[in-house]
Amino acid sequence: MHASSPRLDTRHDAPAHPIFEGNVPIVDRREHDAGAERDALAAALLATPASIAPKYFYDATGCALFARICELPEYYPTRTEAAIFERFREEIVGAAGTGKQLIDLGAADCAKGAAWLPWLAPVRYVAVDIAGDALAEALPRVALAHPDLDVQGVLTDFTRGLDLRRELSGASTTWFYPGSSIGNFSPSEALQFLQTIRGHCEGDGESGLLIGVDTKKDAARLRAAYDDAAGVTAAFNRNILLHVNRVLGTGFAPVGFAHVARYNQAAGRVEMHLEARAPQTVRIDGIRRVYAAGERIHTESSYKYTPDEFTAMLQRAGFSSVQCWQDDAGDFAVYYAS
């Protein structure tokens, strides 16, 4: 559950060639296999233990609920990252440099990336997300506010692999991945993803990655951030079942599942589940699946890293220079790696 988590666009009829929104090209690099996506979701729900990929959180209702989560007193990552950006803006610009192309991963409404445009002064801005409707709405606003900037969108699910070589110009690149969404990857997946970004920077000593990462801290504070007193995160978690119902035609009753969030200290991650309050029966592709009372469906893991741990991961990925900025409490960390 992160501020830059992508919304899932379940439409798979977009063309492979660029489409245009307000004269802004949006290139569709998604794999247009709705059947395979559907089959993967069904298989995960039929498995034991069952799971749902976090990208299914982000239908319209889920996005609205997440926006509310970001404003909750318990949910510190969004405001803490913003405060780090504000406090260390000039140092970060000094590390990243100006006049490059800015690749905004998980751009969503492009608000975070757009806030950096006056400071990083990129020659080009490429917003990357899985949600076509989000980019189509946001990018014309960016282009209107910055008429001399080359603006482009790319639709892709980069959680399944990242290849933006066709979209890169010859300019050096600042990769921007805020919001701690790297935590949704397992550590091995996160390392592979960082290695992929580093591979896109090969042969260019001026390119680098600006990334936000949540830190390990008191378990009670972490649980509260994912299980707020007002119950907004619980509603967000249960809403995923309504999205699954629309995709698979299942009959999940969200009220029959309790929201469960816990910090697995040994693994260094917050885990979110939906736990059956009583036996729940649904049909998934014609197969009867009973979730016993107390059985859980895993919906998200969010890994946390100490600065030393994440710096070491960046170095293993091939980055030789790493700078880190934190708030005074050490609740969050921002890195620039090159």
C-alpha atoms as a PDB file:
ATOM      1  CA  MET A   1       0.000   0.000   0.000  1.00  0.00           C
ATOM      2  CA  HIS A   2       1.948   2.928  -1.299  1.00  0.00           C
ATOM      3  CA  ALA A   3       1.392   6.392  -2.567  1.00  0.00           C
ATOM      4  CA  SER A   4       2.558   5.544  -6.056  1.00  0.00           C
ATOM      5  CA  SER A   5       0.911   2.168  -6.379  1.00  0.00           C
ATOM      6  CA  PRO A   6      -0.474   1.766  -9.921  1.00  0.00           C
ATOM      7  CA  ARG A   7      -4.110   1.409 -10.713  1.00  0.00           C
ATOM      8  CA  LEU A   8      -5.138  -1.606 -12.757  1.00  0.00           C
ATOM      9  CA  ASP A   9      -6.683  -0.803 -16.099  1.00  0.00           C
ATOM     10  CA  THR A  10      -8.583  -3.945 -17.071  1.00  0.00           C
ATOM     11  CA  ARG A  11      -9.183  -2.762 -20.615  1.00  0.00           C
ATOM     12  CA  HIS A  12      -6.944  -4.576 -23.049  1.00  0.00           C
ATOM     13  CA  ASP A  13      -8.159  -3.117 -26.314  1.00  0.00           C
ATOM     14  CA  ALA A  14      -5.667  -0.245 -26.559  1.00  0.00           C
ATOM     15  CA  PRO A  15      -3.606  -0.191 -29.758  1.00  0.00           C
ATOM     16  CA  ALA A  16       0.109  -0.957 -29.786  1.00  0.00           C
ATOM     17  CA  HIS A  17       0.909   2.315 -31.612  1.00  0.00           C
ATOM     18  CA  PRO A  18       0.859   5.679 -29.810  1.00  0.00           C
ATOM     19  CA  ILE A  19      -2.470   7.203 -28.880  1.00  0.00           C
ATOM     20  CA  PHE A  20      -2.789  10.906 -28.187  1.00  0.00           C
ATOM     21  CA  GLU A  21      -4.428  12.800 -25.335  1.00  0.00           C
ATOM     22  CA  GLY A  22      -4.269  16.556 -25.786  1.00  0.00           C
ATOM     23  CA  ASN A  23      -1.402  16.094 -28.294  1.00  0.00           C
ATOM     24  CA  VAL A  24       0.555  14.041 -25.729  1.00  0.00           C
ATOM     25  CA  PRO A  25       1.595  10.617 -27.083  1.00  0.00           C
ATOM     26  CA  ILE A  26       0.877   7.630 -24.853  1.00  0.00           C
ATOM     27  CA  VAL A  27       2.571   4.421 -25.970  1.00  0.00           C
ATOM     28  CA  ASP A  28       0.911   1.183 -24.907  1.00  0.00           C
ATOM     29  CA  ARG A  29       3.453  -1.471 -23.913  1.00  0.00           C
ATOM     30  CA  ARG A  30       1.053  -3.614 -21.900  1.00  0.00           C
ATOM     31  CA  GLU A  31       0.698  -7.280 -22.688  1.00  0.00           C
ATOM     32  CA  HIS A  32      -2.800  -7.471 -24.097  1.00  0.00           C
ATOM     33  CA  ASP A  33      -3.733 -10.895 -22.806  1.00  0.00           C
ATOM     34  CA  ALA A  34      -6.778 -10.416 -20.639  1.00  0.00           C
ATOM     35  CA  GLY A  35      -7.285 -14.170 -20.520  1.00  0.00           C
ATOM     36  CA  ALA A  36      -3.860 -14.798 -19.032  1.00  0.00           C
ATOM     37  CA  GLU A  37      -4.372 -12.081 -16.418  1.00  0.00           C
ATOM     38  CA  ARG A  38      -7.728 -13.550 -15.504  1.00  0.00           C
ATOM     39  CA  ASP A  39      -6.344 -17.082 -15.312  1.00  0.00           C
ATOM     40  CA  ALA A  40      -3.521 -15.963 -13.051  1.00  0.00           C
ATOM     41  CA  LEU A  41      -5.965 -14.263 -10.691  1.00  0.00           C
ATOM     42  CA  ALA A  42      -8.195 -17.342 -10.575  1.00  0.00           C
ATOM     43  CA  ALA A  43      -5.262 -19.686  -9.952  1.00  0.00           C
ATOM     44  CA  ALA A  44      -4.029 -17.535  -7.059  1.00  0.00           C
ATOM     45  CA  LEU A  45      -7.471 -17.595  -5.435  1.00  0.00           C
ATOM     46  CA  LEU A  46      -7.814 -21.378  -5.845  1.00  0.00           C
ATOM     47  CA  ALA A  47      -4.361 -21.995  -4.367  1.00  0.00           C
ATOM     48  CA  THR A  48      -3.623 -22.712  -0.725  1.00  0.00           C
ATOM     49  CA  PRO A  49      -2.710 -20.274   0.675  1.00  0.00           C
ATOM     50  CA  ALA A  50      -4.787 -17.994  -1.517  1.00  0.00           C
ATOM     51  CA  SER A  51      -3.662 -14.570  -2.676  1.00  0.00           C
ATOM     52  CA  ILE A  52      -4.664 -11.574  -4.781  1.00  0.00           C
ATOM     53  CA  ALA A  53      -2.092  -9.361  -6.521  1.00  0.00           C
ATOM     54  CA  PRO A  54      -2.012  -5.847  -4.990  1.00  0.00           C
ATOM     55  CA  LYS A  55      -2.674  -4.219  -8.352  1.00  0.00           C
ATOM     56  CA  TYR A  56      -6.329  -5.275  -7.981  1.00  0.00           C
ATOM     57  CA  PHE A  57      -6.705  -2.795  -5.112  1.00  0.00           C
ATOM     58  CA  TYR A  58      -6.828   0.106  -7.523  1.00  0.00           C
ATOM     59  CA  ASP A  59     -10.237   0.295  -9.118  1.00  0.00           C
ATOM     60  CA  ALA A  60     -11.982   3.679  -8.863  1.00  0.00           C
ATOM     61  CA  THR A  61     -13.218   3.022  -5.335  1.00  0.00           C
ATOM     62  CA  GLY A  62      -9.829   1.687  -4.243  1.00  0.00           C
ATOM     63  CA  CYS A  63      -8.063   4.783  -5.570  1.00  0.00           C
ATOM     64  CA  ALA A  64     -10.460   7.044  -3.669  1.00  0.00           C
ATOM     65  CA  LEU A  65      -9.948   5.047  -0.486  1.00  0.00           C
ATOM     66  CA  PHE A  66      -6.184   5.152  -0.895  1.00  0.00           C
ATOM     67  CA  ALA A  67      -6.295   8.922  -1.266  1.00  0.00           C
ATOM     68  CA  ARG A  68      -8.060   9.002   2.111  1.00  0.00           C
ATOM     69  CA  ILE A  69      -5.451   6.658   3.606  1.00  0.00           C
ATOM     70  CA  CYS A  70      -2.683   9.057   2.615  1.00  0.00           C
ATOM     71  CA  GLU A  71      -4.339  11.762   4.736  1.00  0.00           C
ATOM     72  CA  LEU A  72      -4.741   9.612   7.872  1.00  0.00           C
ATOM     73  CA  PRO A  73      -2.684  10.513  10.945  1.00  0.00           C
ATOM     74  CA  GLU A  74      -1.416   6.930  11.198  1.00  0.00           C
ATOM     75  CA  TYR A  75      -0.167   6.778   7.609  1.00  0.00           C
ATOM     76  CA  TYR A  76       3.152   8.617   7.729  1.00  0.00           C
ATOM     77  CA  PRO A  77       4.940   7.638   4.436  1.00  0.00           C
ATOM     78  CA  THR A  78       3.312  10.157   2.080  1.00  0.00           C
ATOM     79  CA  ARG A  79       3.776  13.273   4.200  1.00  0.00           C
ATOM     80  CA  THR A  80       7.205  12.184   5.463  1.00  0.00           C
ATOM     81  CA  GLU A  81       8.571  11.644   1.964  1.00  0.00           C
ATOM     82  CA  ALA A  82       7.156  15.021   0.908  1.00  0.00           C
ATOM     83  CA  ALA A  83       8.876  16.669   3.858  1.00  0.00           C
ATOM     84  CA  ILE A  84      12.209  15.046   2.962  1.00  0.00           C
ATOM     85  CA  PHE A  85      11.860  16.278  -0.614  1.00  0.00           C
ATOM     86  CA  GLU A  86      11.121  19.789   0.608  1.00  0.00           C
ATOM     87  CA  ARG A  87      13.905  19.898   3.190  1.00  0.00           C
ATOM     88  CA  PHE A  88      16.644  18.470   0.987  1.00  0.00           C
ATOM     89  CA  ARG A  89      15.458  19.690  -2.424  1.00  0.00           C
ATOM     90  CA  GLU A  90      18.655  21.536  -3.329  1.00  0.00           C
ATOM     91  CA  GLU A  91      20.916  18.682  -2.185  1.00  0.00           C
ATOM     92  CA  ILE A  92      18.875  16.170  -4.183  1.00  0.00           C
ATOM     93  CA  VAL A  93      19.021  18.366  -7.284  1.00  0.00           C
ATOM     94  CA  GLY A  94      22.769  18.696  -6.780  1.00  0.00           C
ATOM     95  CA  ALA A  95      23.095  14.914  -6.716  1.00  0.00           C
ATOM     96  CA  ALA A  96      20.752  14.155  -9.606  1.00  0.00           C
ATOM     97  CA  GLY A  97      21.675  17.081 -11.841  1.00  0.00           C
ATOM     98  CA  THR A  98      19.473  18.994 -14.251  1.00  0.00           C
ATOM     99  CA  GLY A  99      18.686  18.933 -17.955  1.00  0.00           C
ATOM    100  CA  LYS A 100      18.130  15.170 -18.204  1.00  0.00           C
ATOM    101  CA  GLN A 101      15.082  13.150 -19.153  1.00  0.00           C
ATOM    102  CA  LEU A 102      12.874  12.279 -16.180  1.00  0.00           C
ATOM    103  CA  ILE A 103      11.307   8.800 -16.151  1.00  0.00           C
ATOM    104  CA  ASP A 104       8.452   8.766 -13.603  1.00  0.00           C
ATOM    105  CA  LEU A 105       7.701   5.170 -12.564  1.00  0.00           C
ATOM    106  CA  GLY A 106       4.185   4.596 -11.221  1.00  0.00           C
ATOM    107  CA  ALA A 107       3.327   8.171 -12.149  1.00  0.00           C
ATOM    108  CA  ALA A 108      -0.451   7.878 -11.575  1.00  0.00           C
ATOM    109  CA  ASP A 109      -1.689  11.510 -11.505  1.00  0.00           C
ATOM    110  CA  CYS A 110       1.877  12.773 -12.168  1.00  0.00           C
ATOM    111  CA  ALA A 111       1.679  15.100  -9.152  1.00  0.00           C
ATOM    112  CA  LYS A 112       4.954  13.991  -7.582  1.00  0.00           C
ATOM    113  CA  GLY A 113       6.866  14.067 -10.860  1.00  0.00           C
ATOM    114  CA  ALA A 114       5.407  17.425 -11.877  1.00  0.00           C
ATOM    115  CA  ALA A 115       6.532  18.945  -8.584  1.00  0.00           C
ATOM    116  CA  TRP A 116      10.133  18.214  -9.548  1.00  0.00           C
ATOM    117  CA  LEU A 117       9.977  19.689 -13.054  1.00  0.00           C
ATOM    118  CA  PRO A 118      10.935  23.266 -12.071  1.00  0.00           C
ATOM    119  CA  TRP A 119      13.864  21.945 -10.054  1.00  0.00           C
ATOM    120  CA  LEU A 120      15.277  19.178 -12.260  1.00  0.00           C
ATOM    121  CA  ALA A 121      14.494  21.122 -15.466  1.00  0.00           C
ATOM    122  CA  PRO A 122      14.328  17.967 -17.593  1.00  0.00           C
ATOM    123  CA  VAL A 123      14.434  18.094 -21.366  1.00  0.00           C
ATOM    124  CA  ARG A 124      11.864  15.321 -21.450  1.00  0.00           C
ATOM    125  CA  TYR A 125       9.267  13.858 -19.084  1.00  0.00           C
ATOM    126  CA  VAL A 126       8.068  10.251 -19.503  1.00  0.00           C
ATOM    127  CA  ALA A 127       5.272   9.117 -17.177  1.00  0.00           C
ATOM    128  CA  VAL A 128       5.003   5.331 -16.754  1.00  0.00           C
ATOM    129  CA  ASP A 129       1.946   3.618 -15.294  1.00  0.00           C
ATOM    130  CA  ILE A 130      -0.425   0.719 -15.871  1.00  0.00           C
ATOM    131  CA  ALA A 131      -3.518   2.944 -15.829  1.00  0.00           C
ATOM    132  CA  GLY A 132      -4.352   4.553 -19.139  1.00  0.00           C
ATOM    133  CA  ASP A 133      -7.148   6.696 -17.725  1.00  0.00           C
ATOM    134  CA  ALA A 134      -4.828   8.220 -15.114  1.00  0.00           C
ATOM    135  CA  LEU A 135      -2.170   9.180 -17.670  1.00  0.00           C
ATOM    136  CA  ALA A 136      -4.746  10.422 -20.173  1.00  0.00           C
ATOM    137  CA  GLU A 137      -6.121  12.808 -17.564  1.00  0.00           C
ATOM    138  CA  ALA A 138      -2.816  13.960 -16.077  1.00  0.00           C
ATOM    139  CA  LEU A 139      -0.429  14.342 -19.001  1.00  0.00           C
ATOM    140  CA  PRO A 140      -2.276  17.070 -20.917  1.00  0.00           C
ATOM    141  CA  ARG A 141      -2.171  19.171 -17.733  1.00  0.00           C
ATOM    142  CA  VAL A 142       1.590  18.638 -17.459  1.00  0.00           C
ATOM    143  CA  ALA A 143       2.071  19.546 -21.117  1.00  0.00           C
ATOM    144  CA  LEU A 144      -0.082  22.678 -20.773  1.00  0.00           C
ATOM    145  CA  ALA A 145       1.870  23.843 -17.720  1.00  0.00           C
ATOM    146  CA  HIS A 146       5.225  23.158 -19.427  1.00  0.00           C
ATOM    147  CA  PRO A 147       4.735  23.932 -23.137  1.00  0.00           C
ATOM    148  CA  ASP A 148       8.444  23.655 -23.972  1.00  0.00           C
ATOM    149  CA  LEU A 149       8.810  20.206 -22.378  1.00  0.00           C
ATOM    150  CA  ASP A 150       8.703  16.974 -24.384  1.00  0.00           C
ATOM    151  CA  VAL A 151       5.976  14.976 -22.565  1.00  0.00           C
ATOM    152  CA  GLN A 152       5.119  11.318 -23.171  1.00  0.00           C
ATOM    153  CA  GLY A 153       3.257   8.517 -21.432  1.00  0.00           C
ATOM    154  CA  VAL A 154       3.964   4.777 -21.405  1.00  0.00           C
ATOM    155  CA  LEU A 155       1.397   2.191 -20.399  1.00  0.00           C
ATOM    156  CA  THR A 156       3.047  -0.906 -18.934  1.00  0.00           C
ATOM    157  CA  ASP A 157       2.875  -3.191 -15.922  1.00  0.00           C
ATOM    158  CA  PHE A 158       6.500  -2.835 -14.851  1.00  0.00           C
ATOM    159  CA  THR A 159       5.938  -5.200 -11.926  1.00  0.00           C
ATOM    160  CA  ARG A 160       6.124  -7.921 -14.575  1.00  0.00           C
ATOM    161  CA  GLY A 161       9.313  -6.593 -16.138  1.00  0.00           C
ATOM    162  CA  LEU A 162      10.686  -3.265 -17.289  1.00  0.00           C
ATOM    163  CA  ASP A 163      11.974  -2.448 -20.750  1.00  0.00           C
ATOM    164  CA  LEU A 164      11.816   1.207 -21.739  1.00  0.00           C
ATOM    165  CA  ARG A 165      14.779   1.271 -24.104  1.00  0.00           C
ATOM    166  CA  ARG A 166      12.545   2.201 -27.024  1.00  0.00           C
ATOM    167  CA  GLU A 167      11.277   5.221 -25.084  1.00  0.00           C
ATOM    168  CA  LEU A 168      14.670   6.532 -23.983  1.00  0.00           C
ATOM    169  CA  SER A 169      16.302   9.346 -25.931  1.00  0.00           C
ATOM    170  CA  GLY A 170      20.047   9.859 -26.078  1.00  0.00           C
ATOM    171  CA  ALA A 171      19.951  12.148 -23.024  1.00  0.00           C
ATOM    172  CA  SER A 172      21.025  11.078 -19.546  1.00  0.00           C
ATOM    173  CA  THR A 173      18.176   9.910 -17.350  1.00  0.00           C
ATOM    174  CA  THR A 174      16.879  10.482 -13.861  1.00  0.00           C
ATOM    175  CA  TRP A 175      14.678   7.538 -12.886  1.00  0.00           C
ATOM    176  CA  PHE A 176      12.070   8.607 -10.313  1.00  0.00           C
ATOM    177  CA  TYR A 177      10.330   5.993  -8.159  1.00  0.00           C
ATOM    178  CA  PRO A 178       8.763   7.659  -5.101  1.00  0.00           C
ATOM    179  CA  GLY A 179       6.253   6.436  -2.560  1.00  0.00           C
ATOM    180  CA  SER A 180       8.077   3.302  -1.303  1.00  0.00           C
ATOM    181  CA  SER A 181       6.320   1.041  -3.824  1.00  0.00           C
ATOM    182  CA  ILE A 182       9.562  -0.899  -4.097  1.00  0.00           C
ATOM    183  CA  GLY A 183       8.344  -2.522  -0.863  1.00  0.00           C
ATOM    184  CA  ASN A 184       5.679  -4.454  -2.788  1.00  0.00           C
ATOM    185  CA  PHE A 185       8.465  -6.468  -4.413  1.00  0.00           C
ATOM    186  CA  SER A 186      10.089  -9.290  -2.476  1.00  0.00           C
ATOM    187  CA  PRO A 187      13.775  -8.557  -1.769  1.00  0.00           C
ATOM    188  CA  SER A 188      14.883 -10.783  -4.648  1.00  0.00           C
ATOM    189  CA  GLU A 189      12.373  -9.167  -6.984  1.00  0.00           C
ATOM    190  CA  ALA A 190      13.400  -5.713  -5.781  1.00  0.00           C
ATOM    191  CA  LEU A 191      17.051  -6.487  -6.501  1.00  0.00           C
ATOM    192  CA  GLN A 192      16.184  -7.716  -9.982  1.00  0.00           C
ATOM    193  CA  PHE A 193      14.104  -4.591 -10.635  1.00  0.00           C
ATOM    194  CA  LEU A 194      16.939  -2.313  -9.487  1.00  0.00           C
ATOM    195  CA  GLN A 195      19.380  -4.252 -11.662  1.00  0.00           C
ATOM    196  CA  THR A 196      17.063  -3.672 -14.621  1.00  0.00           C
ATOM    197  CA  ILE A 197      17.061   0.079 -14.001  1.00  0.00           C
ATOM    198  CA  ARG A 198      20.839   0.010 -13.629  1.00  0.00           C
ATOM    199  CA  GLY A 199      21.029  -1.867 -16.931  1.00  0.00           C
ATOM    200  CA  HIS A 200      19.083   0.945 -18.614  1.00  0.00           C
ATOM    201  CA  CYS A 201      21.811   3.313 -17.349  1.00  0.00           C
ATOM    202  CA  GLU A 202      24.713   1.256 -18.801  1.00  0.00           C
ATOM    203  CA  GLY A 203      27.289   3.318 -20.628  1.00  0.00           C
ATOM    204  CA  ASP A 204      26.010   6.574 -19.165  1.00  0.00           C
ATOM    205  CA  GLY A 205      27.776   7.807 -16.065  1.00  0.00           C
ATOM    206  CA  GLU A 206      25.298  10.672 -15.615  1.00  0.00           C
ATOM    207  CA  SER A 207      22.092   8.648 -15.164  1.00  0.00           C
ATOM    208  CA  GLY A 208      20.712   7.602 -11.802  1.00  0.00           C
ATOM    209  CA  LEU A 209      17.735   6.621  -9.651  1.00  0.00           C
ATOM    210  CA  LEU A 210      15.815   8.794  -7.161  1.00  0.00           C
ATOM    211  CA  ILE A 211      13.723   6.481  -4.982  1.00  0.00           C
ATOM    212  CA  GLY A 212      11.670   6.577  -1.776  1.00  0.00           C
ATOM    213  CA  VAL A 213      11.812   3.654   0.683  1.00  0.00           C
ATOM    214  CA  ASP A 214      10.001   2.998   3.962  1.00  0.00           C
ATOM    215  CA  THR A 215      12.150   2.048   6.952  1.00  0.00           C
ATOM    216  CA  LYS A 216      11.923  -0.530   9.714  1.00  0.00           C
ATOM    217  CA  LYS A 217      10.498   0.850  12.930  1.00  0.00           C
ATOM    218  CA  ASP A 218       8.345   0.037  15.953  1.00  0.00           C
ATOM    219  CA  ALA A 219       5.914  -2.766  15.080  1.00  0.00           C
ATOM    220  CA  ALA A 220       2.965  -0.963  16.653  1.00  0.00           C
ATOM    221  CA  ARG A 221       3.471   2.084  14.439  1.00  0.00           C
ATOM    222  CA  LEU A 222       3.746  -0.077  11.340  1.00  0.00           C
ATOM    223  CA  ARG A 223       0.578  -1.991  12.191  1.00  0.00           C
ATOM    224  CA  ALA A 224      -1.291   1.260  12.826  1.00  0.00           C
ATOM    225  CA  ALA A 225      -0.258   2.608   9.428  1.00  0.00           C
ATOM    226  CA  TYR A 226      -1.910  -0.417   7.798  1.00  0.00           C
ATOM    227  CA  ASP A 227      -4.850  -0.782  10.209  1.00  0.00           C
ATOM    228  CA  ASP A 228      -6.055   2.713  11.074  1.00  0.00           C
ATOM    229  CA  ALA A 229      -8.577   3.453  13.791  1.00  0.00           C
ATOM    230  CA  ALA A 230     -11.137   4.844  11.329  1.00  0.00           C
ATOM    231  CA  GLY A 231     -11.195   1.596   9.340  1.00  0.00           C
ATOM    232  CA  VAL A 232     -10.313   3.179   5.997  1.00  0.00           C
ATOM    233  CA  THR A 233      -7.560   0.640   5.269  1.00  0.00           C
ATOM    234  CA  ALA A 234      -9.933  -2.179   6.187  1.00  0.00           C
ATOM    235  CA  ALA A 235     -12.447  -0.865   3.643  1.00  0.00           C
ATOM    236  CA  PHE A 236      -9.637  -0.513   1.089  1.00  0.00           C
ATOM    237  CA  ASN A 237      -8.571  -4.131   1.653  1.00  0.00           C
ATOM    238  CA  ARG A 238     -12.097  -5.580   1.459  1.00  0.00           C
ATOM    239  CA  ASN A 239     -12.888  -3.553  -1.663  1.00  0.00           C
ATOM    240  CA  ILE A 240     -10.422  -5.720  -3.589  1.00  0.00           C
ATOM    241  CA  LEU A 241     -13.002  -8.516  -3.438  1.00  0.00           C
ATOM    242  CA  LEU A 242     -15.530  -6.389  -5.313  1.00  0.00           C
ATOM    243  CA  HIS A 243     -12.965  -5.818  -8.043  1.00  0.00           C
ATOM    244  CA  VAL A 244     -12.323  -9.570  -8.187  1.00  0.00           C
ATOM    245  CA  ASN A 245     -16.068 -10.164  -8.474  1.00  0.00           C
ATOM    246  CA  ARG A 246     -16.202  -7.947 -11.561  1.00  0.00           C
ATOM    247  CA  VAL A 247     -13.164  -9.577 -13.167  1.00  0.00           C
ATOM    248  CA  LEU A 248     -13.998 -13.226 -12.423  1.00  0.00           C
ATOM    249  CA  GLY A 249     -17.740 -13.165 -11.805  1.00  0.00           C
ATOM    250  CA  THR A 250     -17.215 -14.578  -8.316  1.00  0.00           C
ATOM    251  CA  GLY A 251     -19.599 -13.948  -5.436  1.00  0.00           C
ATOM    252  CA  PHE A 252     -17.304 -12.758  -2.676  1.00  0.00           C
ATOM    253  CA  ALA A 253     -19.107 -10.960   0.156  1.00  0.00           C
ATOM    254  CA  PRO A 254     -16.558  -8.510   1.586  1.00  0.00           C
ATOM    255  CA  VAL A 255     -18.445  -8.292   4.882  1.00  0.00           C
ATOM    256  CA  GLY A 256     -17.593 -11.952   5.431  1.00  0.00           C
ATOM    257  CA  PHE A 257     -13.874 -11.174   5.651  1.00  0.00           C
ATOM    258  CA  ALA A 258     -11.937  -9.328   8.344  1.00  0.00           C
ATOM    259  CA  HIS A 259      -9.012  -7.054   7.569  1.00  0.00           C
ATOM    260  CA  VAL A 260      -5.788  -8.362   9.117  1.00  0.00           C
ATOM    261  CA  ALA A 261      -2.494  -6.442   9.128  1.00  0.00           C
ATOM    262  CA  ARG A 262       0.601  -7.548  10.975  1.00  0.00           C
ATOM    263  CA  TYR A 263       4.305  -6.828  10.979  1.00  0.00           C
ATOM    264  CA  ASN A 264       6.424  -9.898  10.316  1.00  0.00           C
ATOM    265  CA  GLN A 265       9.595  -8.760  12.032  1.00  0.00           C
ATOM    266  CA  ALA A 266      11.650 -11.759  10.915  1.00  0.00           C
ATOM    267  CA  ALA A 267      10.845 -11.042   7.256  1.00  0.00           C
ATOM    268  CA  GLY A 268      10.905  -7.240   7.676  1.00  0.00           C
ATOM    269  CA  ARG A 269       7.514  -6.720   6.090  1.00  0.00           C
ATOM    270  CA  VAL A 270       3.943  -5.696   6.837  1.00  0.00           C
ATOM    271  CA  GLU A 271       1.491  -8.325   5.634  1.00  0.00           C
ATOM    272  CA  MET A 272      -2.144  -7.661   4.786  1.00  0.00           C
ATOM    273  CA  HIS A 273      -4.729 -10.424   4.599  1.00  0.00           C
ATOM    274  CA  LEU A 274      -8.466 -10.934   4.404  1.00  0.00           C
ATOM    275  CA  GLU A 275      -9.561 -13.525   6.968  1.00  0.00           C
ATOM    276  CA  ALA A 276     -12.832 -15.449   6.605  1.00  0.00           C
ATOM    277  CA  ARG A 277     -15.052 -14.725   9.611  1.00  0.00           C
ATOM    278  CA  ALA A 278     -16.995 -17.940   8.942  1.00  0.00           C
ATOM    279  CA  PRO A 279     -16.819 -20.482   6.089  1.00  0.00           C
ATOM    280  CA  GLN A 280     -17.138 -18.618   2.778  1.00  0.00           C
ATOM    281  CA  THR A 281     -18.016 -20.403  -0.451  1.00  0.00           C
ATOM    282  CA  VAL A 282     -17.507 -18.978  -3.930  1.00  0.00           C
ATOM    283  CA  ARG A 283     -17.215 -20.375  -7.426  1.00  0.00           C
ATOM    284  CA  ILE A 284     -14.086 -19.559  -9.390  1.00  0.00           C
ATOM    285  CA  ASP A 285     -14.199 -20.581 -13.038  1.00  0.00           C
ATOM    286  CA  GLY A 286     -16.826 -23.154 -12.144  1.00  0.00           C
ATOM    287  CA  ILE A 287     -14.768 -24.604  -9.295  1.00  0.00           C
ATOM    288  CA  ARG A 288     -16.252 -24.541  -5.807  1.00  0.00           C
ATOM    289  CA  ARG A 289     -13.805 -22.992  -3.362  1.00  0.00           C
ATOM    290  CA  VAL A 290     -14.502 -22.930   0.371  1.00  0.00           C
ATOM    291  CA  TYR A 291     -12.511 -20.589   2.565  1.00  0.00           C
ATOM    292  CA  ALA A 292     -12.655 -22.067   6.062  1.00  0.00           C
ATOM    293  CA  ALA A 293     -13.273 -19.847   9.071  1.00  0.00           C
ATOM    294  CA  GLY A 294      -9.954 -18.226   9.897  1.00  0.00           C
ATOM    295  CA  GLU A 295      -8.449 -18.941   6.454  1.00  0.00           C
ATOM    296  CA  ARG A 296      -6.671 -15.949   4.972  1.00  0.00           C
ATOM    297  CA  ILE A 297      -6.265 -14.484   1.503  1.00  0.00           C
ATOM    298  CA  HIS A 298      -2.961 -12.627   1.221  1.00  0.00           C
ATOM    299  CA  THR A 299      -3.391  -9.266  -0.501  1.00  0.00           C
ATOM    300  CA  GLU A 300      -0.113  -7.423   0.078  1.00  0.00           C
ATOM    301  CA  SER A 301       3.357  -7.533   1.562  1.00  0.00           C
ATOM    302  CA  SER A 302       5.207  -4.290   2.176  1.00  0.00           C
ATOM    303  CA  TYR A 303       8.924  -4.738   2.876  1.00  0.00           C
ATOM    304  CA  LYS A 304      10.807  -2.234   5.010  1.00  0.00           C
ATOM    305  CA  TYR A 305      14.555  -1.574   4.871  1.00  0.00           C
ATOM    306  CA  THR A 306      17.112   0.108   7.079  1.00  0.00           C
ATOM    307  CA  PRO A 307      19.298   2.622   5.202  1.00  0.00           C
ATOM    308  CA  ASP A 308      22.237   0.217   5.410  1.00  0.00           C
ATOM    309  CA  GLU A 309      20.151  -2.635   3.991  1.00  0.00           C
ATOM    310  CA  PHE A 310      18.807  -0.659   1.046  1.00  0.00           C
ATOM    311  CA  THR A 311      22.135   0.989   0.295  1.00  0.00           C
ATOM    312  CA  ALA A 312      23.676  -2.489   0.126  1.00  0.00           C
ATOM    313  CA  MET A 313      20.888  -3.621  -2.223  1.00  0.00           C
ATOM    314  CA  LEU A 314      21.507  -0.663  -4.530  1.00  0.00           C
ATOM    315  CA  GLN A 315      25.200  -1.497  -4.561  1.00  0.00           C
ATOM    316  CA  ARG A 316      24.471  -5.158  -5.359  1.00  0.00           C
ATOM    317  CA  ALA A 317      22.318  -3.914  -8.230  1.00  0.00           C
ATOM    318  CA  GLY A 318      25.367  -2.199  -9.693  1.00  0.00           C
ATOM    319  CA  PHE A 319      25.070   1.381  -8.451  1.00  0.00           C
ATOM    320  CA  SER A 320      28.450   2.596  -7.205  1.00  0.00           C
ATOM    321  CA  SER A 321      27.427   5.891  -5.604  1.00  0.00           C
ATOM    322  CA  VAL A 322      24.508   6.120  -3.139  1.00  0.00           C
ATOM    323  CA  GLN A 323      23.310   9.153  -1.191  1.00  0.00           C
ATOM    324  CA  CYS A 324      20.552   9.002   1.443  1.00  0.00           C
ATOM    325  CA  TRP A 325      18.315  11.618   3.068  1.00  0.00           C
ATOM    326  CA  GLN A 326      15.983  11.013   6.020  1.00  0.00           C
ATOM    327  CA  ASP A 327      13.623  12.827   8.350  1.00  0.00           C
ATOM    328  CA  ASP A 328      14.840  13.397  11.893  1.00  0.00           C
ATOM    329  CA  ALA A 329      12.874  10.406  13.238  1.00  0.00           C
ATOM    330  CA  GLY A 330      14.234   8.086  10.542  1.00  0.00           C
ATOM    331  CA  ASP A 331      10.724   7.080   9.492  1.00  0.00           C
ATOM    332  CA  PHE A 332      11.458   7.204   5.757  1.00  0.00           C
ATOM    333  CA  ALA A 333      14.428   7.400   3.408  1.00  0.00           C
ATOM    334  CA  VAL A 334      15.087   8.911  -0.016  1.00  0.00           C
ATOM    335  CA  TYR A 335      18.060   7.714  -2.060  1.00  0.00           C
ATOM    336  CA  TYR A 336      19.861   8.881  -5.164  1.00  0.00           C
ATOM    337  CA  ALA A 337      21.959   6.133  -6.715  1.00  0.00           C
ATOM    338  CA  SER A 338      24.169   6.408  -9.781  1.00  0.00           C
END
